[in-house]
Amino acid sequence: MVELIATAVIMASSVLLFGYWFRYTCILILSAKPTRDYAVSVAQANQLGFIAVQAQLRESTPELDRLMAALDHDYEVLSYLLKHAANVDGESNVEKIMLGINYRVMRAWYGVTRNFAPSSAARAIEEMSQVVAHFANAMGERAAVGAAA
């Protein structure tokens, strides 16, 4: 019986530590500043709305469901573009996968908190917009490398 309890405690703490590591790594990836930011030019070229979403989140009472729909559209467009664009040497697929999972986790968190904790839901949308901006910047870097070649 003691061994079963010890195993359960070890498993639970391992899952919690993995979750903490995953979130911390995603936040570190998103906080890194690129040498040149291509996100704005990619957003303008592809008519993406994540920059407007980020601006509206700074307002007093943004309409969160509309912002979520805009981010989902941008995420789908950028995922398609990144999937079908040529890979750049040194680009990390693990990073893209982790941020994609993080986007979906934050989307689920938004769904859970939007009715009873709007500030938490707004933070989830903010993080999702950072993921979309990161993907837009990656797309811009690919385009710049392709144009230079």
C-alpha atoms as a PDB file:
ATOM      1  CA  MET A   1       0.000   0.000   0.000  1.00  0.00           C
ATOM      2  CA  VAL A   2       2.829   2.390   0.848  1.00  0.00           C
ATOM      3  CA  GLU A   3       4.482   1.636  -2.499  1.00  0.00           C
ATOM      4  CA  LEU A   4       1.265   2.467  -4.347  1.00  0.00           C
ATOM      5  CA  ILE A   5       0.947   5.816  -2.583  1.00  0.00           C
ATOM      6  CA  ALA A   6       4.625   6.617  -3.203  1.00  0.00           C
ATOM      7  CA  THR A   7       4.244   5.752  -6.881  1.00  0.00           C
ATOM      8  CA  ALA A   8       1.146   7.953  -7.178  1.00  0.00           C
ATOM      9  CA  VAL A   9       2.909  10.869  -5.476  1.00  0.00           C
ATOM     10  CA  ILE A  10       5.969  10.513  -7.724  1.00  0.00           C
ATOM     11  CA  MET A  11       3.800  10.300 -10.854  1.00  0.00           C
ATOM     12  CA  ALA A  12       1.718  13.321  -9.862  1.00  0.00           C
ATOM     13  CA  SER A  13       4.779  15.420  -9.049  1.00  0.00           C
ATOM     14  CA  SER A  14       6.435  14.369 -12.334  1.00  0.00           C
ATOM     15  CA  VAL A  15       3.393  15.454 -14.334  1.00  0.00           C
ATOM     16  CA  LEU A  16       3.265  18.780 -12.486  1.00  0.00           C
ATOM     17  CA  LEU A  17       6.975  19.399 -13.035  1.00  0.00           C
ATOM     18  CA  PHE A  18       6.654  18.538 -16.730  1.00  0.00           C
ATOM     19  CA  GLY A  19       3.733  20.974 -17.048  1.00  0.00           C
ATOM     20  CA  TYR A  20       5.767  23.687 -15.317  1.00  0.00           C
ATOM     21  CA  TRP A  21       8.767  23.056 -17.573  1.00  0.00           C
ATOM     22  CA  PHE A  22       6.575  23.119 -20.684  1.00  0.00           C
ATOM     23  CA  ARG A  23       4.890  26.428 -19.781  1.00  0.00           C
ATOM     24  CA  TYR A  24       8.185  28.019 -18.749  1.00  0.00           C
ATOM     25  CA  THR A  25       9.861  26.956 -22.014  1.00  0.00           C
ATOM     26  CA  CYS A  26       6.996  28.318 -24.101  1.00  0.00           C
ATOM     27  CA  ILE A  27       7.115  31.628 -22.234  1.00  0.00           C
ATOM     28  CA  LEU A  28      10.884  31.812 -22.809  1.00  0.00           C
ATOM     29  CA  ILE A  29      10.445  31.162 -26.538  1.00  0.00           C
ATOM     30  CA  LEU A  30       7.790  33.857 -26.797  1.00  0.00           C
ATOM     31  CA  SER A  31       9.798  36.393 -24.799  1.00  0.00           C
ATOM     32  CA  ALA A  32      12.874  36.116 -27.043  1.00  0.00           C
ATOM     33  CA  LYS A  33      13.154  39.165 -29.273  1.00  0.00           C
ATOM     34  CA  PRO A  34      14.272  38.567 -32.881  1.00  0.00           C
ATOM     35  CA  THR A  35      16.925  40.759 -34.447  1.00  0.00           C
ATOM     36  CA  ARG A  36      14.426  41.835 -37.097  1.00  0.00           C
ATOM     37  CA  ASP A  37      10.685  41.593 -36.577  1.00  0.00           C
ATOM     38  CA  TYR A  38       8.831  40.478 -39.691  1.00  0.00           C
ATOM     39  CA  ALA A  39       5.466  39.983 -37.947  1.00  0.00           C
ATOM     40  CA  VAL A  40       3.974  43.345 -38.980  1.00  0.00           C
ATOM     41  CA  SER A  41       4.887  42.969 -42.635  1.00  0.00           C
ATOM     42  CA  VAL A  42       3.573  39.380 -42.734  1.00  0.00           C
ATOM     43  CA  ALA A  43       0.361  40.513 -41.034  1.00  0.00           C
ATOM     44  CA  GLN A  44      -0.140  43.268 -43.600  1.00  0.00           C
ATOM     45  CA  ALA A  45       0.696  41.040 -46.572  1.00  0.00           C
ATOM     46  CA  ASN A  46      -1.696  38.288 -45.477  1.00  0.00           C
ATOM     47  CA  GLN A  47      -4.417  40.487 -43.949  1.00  0.00           C
ATOM     48  CA  LEU A  48      -3.938  39.024 -40.467  1.00  0.00           C
ATOM     49  CA  GLY A  49      -5.548  40.622 -37.442  1.00  0.00           C
ATOM     50  CA  PHE A  50      -3.334  39.623 -34.522  1.00  0.00           C
ATOM     51  CA  ILE A  51      -1.810  43.104 -34.250  1.00  0.00           C
ATOM     52  CA  ALA A  52      -5.298  44.605 -33.922  1.00  0.00           C
ATOM     53  CA  VAL A  53      -6.145  41.897 -31.369  1.00  0.00           C
ATOM     54  CA  GLN A  54      -3.139  42.864 -29.271  1.00  0.00           C
ATOM     55  CA  ALA A  55      -4.149  46.535 -29.446  1.00  0.00           C
ATOM     56  CA  GLN A  56      -7.772  45.791 -28.513  1.00  0.00           C
ATOM     57  CA  LEU A  57      -6.675  43.714 -25.519  1.00  0.00           C
ATOM     58  CA  ARG A  58      -5.236  46.904 -24.043  1.00  0.00           C
ATOM     59  CA  GLU A  59      -8.718  48.488 -24.110  1.00  0.00           C
ATOM     60  CA  SER A  60     -10.922  48.414 -21.048  1.00  0.00           C
ATOM     61  CA  THR A  61     -13.542  45.890 -22.257  1.00  0.00           C
ATOM     62  CA  PRO A  62     -12.619  44.046 -25.445  1.00  0.00           C
ATOM     63  CA  GLU A  63     -15.027  41.582 -27.041  1.00  0.00           C
ATOM     64  CA  LEU A  64     -13.081  38.401 -26.313  1.00  0.00           C
ATOM     65  CA  ASP A  65     -15.038  35.975 -28.499  1.00  0.00           C
ATOM     66  CA  ARG A  66     -14.483  38.126 -31.582  1.00  0.00           C
ATOM     67  CA  LEU A  67     -10.778  38.425 -30.791  1.00  0.00           C
ATOM     68  CA  MET A  68     -10.574  34.649 -30.359  1.00  0.00           C
ATOM     69  CA  ALA A  69     -12.172  34.083 -33.765  1.00  0.00           C
ATOM     70  CA  ALA A  70      -9.682  36.471 -35.388  1.00  0.00           C
ATOM     71  CA  LEU A  71      -6.749  34.692 -33.741  1.00  0.00           C
ATOM     72  CA  ASP A  72      -8.021  31.276 -34.786  1.00  0.00           C
ATOM     73  CA  HIS A  73      -8.206  32.494 -38.398  1.00  0.00           C
ATOM     74  CA  ASP A  74      -4.678  33.917 -38.244  1.00  0.00           C
ATOM     75  CA  TYR A  75      -3.355  30.736 -36.627  1.00  0.00           C
ATOM     76  CA  GLU A  76      -4.869  28.574 -39.380  1.00  0.00           C
ATOM     77  CA  VAL A  77      -3.463  30.792 -42.142  1.00  0.00           C
ATOM     78  CA  LEU A  78       0.033  30.864 -40.648  1.00  0.00           C
ATOM     79  CA  SER A  79       0.017  27.138 -39.903  1.00  0.00           C
ATOM     80  CA  TYR A  80      -0.830  26.468 -43.539  1.00  0.00           C
ATOM     81  CA  LEU A  81       1.855  28.851 -44.794  1.00  0.00           C
ATOM     82  CA  LEU A  82       4.526  27.420 -42.502  1.00  0.00           C
ATOM     83  CA  LYS A  83       3.584  23.870 -43.421  1.00  0.00           C
ATOM     84  CA  HIS A  84       3.895  24.546 -47.149  1.00  0.00           C
ATOM     85  CA  ALA A  85       6.908  26.881 -47.110  1.00  0.00           C
ATOM     86  CA  ALA A  86      10.483  25.725 -47.492  1.00  0.00           C
ATOM     87  CA  ASN A  87      12.311  25.056 -44.228  1.00  0.00           C
ATOM     88  CA  VAL A  88      15.167  27.297 -43.199  1.00  0.00           C
ATOM     89  CA  ASP A  89      18.378  25.664 -41.973  1.00  0.00           C
ATOM     90  CA  GLY A  90      18.579  25.737 -38.199  1.00  0.00           C
ATOM     91  CA  GLU A  91      14.852  26.238 -37.676  1.00  0.00           C
ATOM     92  CA  SER A  92      13.456  24.131 -34.854  1.00  0.00           C
ATOM     93  CA  ASN A  93      10.410  21.948 -35.522  1.00  0.00           C
ATOM     94  CA  VAL A  94      10.249  21.146 -31.805  1.00  0.00           C
ATOM     95  CA  GLU A  95       9.706  24.836 -31.092  1.00  0.00           C
ATOM     96  CA  LYS A  96       6.826  25.019 -33.583  1.00  0.00           C
ATOM     97  CA  ILE A  97       5.220  21.889 -32.139  1.00  0.00           C
ATOM     98  CA  MET A  98       5.541  23.150 -28.567  1.00  0.00           C
ATOM     99  CA  LEU A  99       4.063  26.526 -29.438  1.00  0.00           C
ATOM    100  CA  GLY A 100       1.247  24.844 -31.364  1.00  0.00           C
ATOM    101  CA  ILE A 101       0.412  22.744 -28.314  1.00  0.00           C
ATOM    102  CA  ASN A 102       0.649  25.837 -26.132  1.00  0.00           C
ATOM    103  CA  TYR A 103      -1.798  27.654 -28.446  1.00  0.00           C
ATOM    104  CA  ARG A 104      -4.315  24.832 -28.096  1.00  0.00           C
ATOM    105  CA  VAL A 105      -3.842  24.659 -24.316  1.00  0.00           C
ATOM    106  CA  MET A 106      -4.418  28.410 -24.031  1.00  0.00           C
ATOM    107  CA  ARG A 107      -7.472  28.079 -26.274  1.00  0.00           C
ATOM    108  CA  ALA A 108      -8.883  25.439 -23.943  1.00  0.00           C
ATOM    109  CA  TRP A 109      -8.044  27.617 -20.936  1.00  0.00           C
ATOM    110  CA  TYR A 110      -9.889  30.502 -22.588  1.00  0.00           C
ATOM    111  CA  GLY A 111     -12.919  28.273 -23.059  1.00  0.00           C
ATOM    112  CA  VAL A 112     -12.880  27.285 -19.391  1.00  0.00           C
ATOM    113  CA  THR A 113     -12.380  30.807 -17.985  1.00  0.00           C
ATOM    114  CA  ARG A 114     -14.221  33.111 -20.385  1.00  0.00           C
ATOM    115  CA  ASN A 115     -17.514  33.127 -18.463  1.00  0.00           C
ATOM    116  CA  PHE A 116     -16.292  33.432 -14.883  1.00  0.00           C
ATOM    117  CA  ALA A 117     -12.774  34.931 -15.114  1.00  0.00           C
ATOM    118  CA  PRO A 118     -12.580  37.379 -18.043  1.00  0.00           C
ATOM    119  CA  SER A 119      -9.161  38.692 -16.994  1.00  0.00           C
ATOM    120  CA  SER A 120      -7.704  35.179 -17.122  1.00  0.00           C
ATOM    121  CA  ALA A 121      -9.373  34.611 -20.485  1.00  0.00           C
ATOM    122  CA  ALA A 122      -7.865  37.871 -21.771  1.00  0.00           C
ATOM    123  CA  ARG A 123      -4.396  36.737 -20.637  1.00  0.00           C
ATOM    124  CA  ALA A 124      -4.896  33.478 -22.522  1.00  0.00           C
ATOM    125  CA  ILE A 125      -5.813  35.426 -25.668  1.00  0.00           C
ATOM    126  CA  GLU A 126      -2.760  37.647 -25.181  1.00  0.00           C
ATOM    127  CA  GLU A 127      -0.476  34.616 -25.028  1.00  0.00           C
ATOM    128  CA  MET A 128      -2.195  33.112 -28.069  1.00  0.00           C
ATOM    129  CA  SER A 129      -1.598  36.363 -29.966  1.00  0.00           C
ATOM    130  CA  GLN A 130       2.093  36.127 -29.042  1.00  0.00           C
ATOM    131  CA  VAL A 131       2.219  32.615 -30.494  1.00  0.00           C
ATOM    132  CA  VAL A 132       0.600  33.863 -33.714  1.00  0.00           C
ATOM    133  CA  ALA A 133       3.059  36.781 -33.835  1.00  0.00           C
ATOM    134  CA  HIS A 134       5.943  34.340 -33.358  1.00  0.00           C
ATOM    135  CA  PHE A 135       4.684  32.213 -36.259  1.00  0.00           C
ATOM    136  CA  ALA A 136       4.263  35.330 -38.419  1.00  0.00           C
ATOM    137  CA  ASN A 137       7.836  36.323 -37.664  1.00  0.00           C
ATOM    138  CA  ALA A 138       9.044  32.814 -38.553  1.00  0.00           C
ATOM    139  CA  MET A 139       7.168  33.055 -41.847  1.00  0.00           C
ATOM    140  CA  GLY A 140       8.779  36.435 -42.532  1.00  0.00           C
ATOM    141  CA  GLU A 141      12.214  35.019 -41.809  1.00  0.00           C
ATOM    142  CA  ARG A 142      11.590  32.180 -44.248  1.00  0.00           C
ATOM    143  CA  ALA A 143      10.477  34.637 -46.916  1.00  0.00           C
ATOM    144  CA  ALA A 144      13.526  36.819 -46.335  1.00  0.00           C
ATOM    145  CA  VAL A 145      15.908  33.867 -46.582  1.00  0.00           C
ATOM    146  CA  GLY A 146      14.121  32.656 -49.731  1.00  0.00           C
ATOM    147  CA  ALA A 147      14.370  36.113 -51.302  1.00  0.00           C
ATOM    148  CA  ALA A 148      18.070  36.366 -50.468  1.00  0.00           C
ATOM    149  CA  ALA A 149      18.859  32.990 -52.052  1.00  0.00           C
END
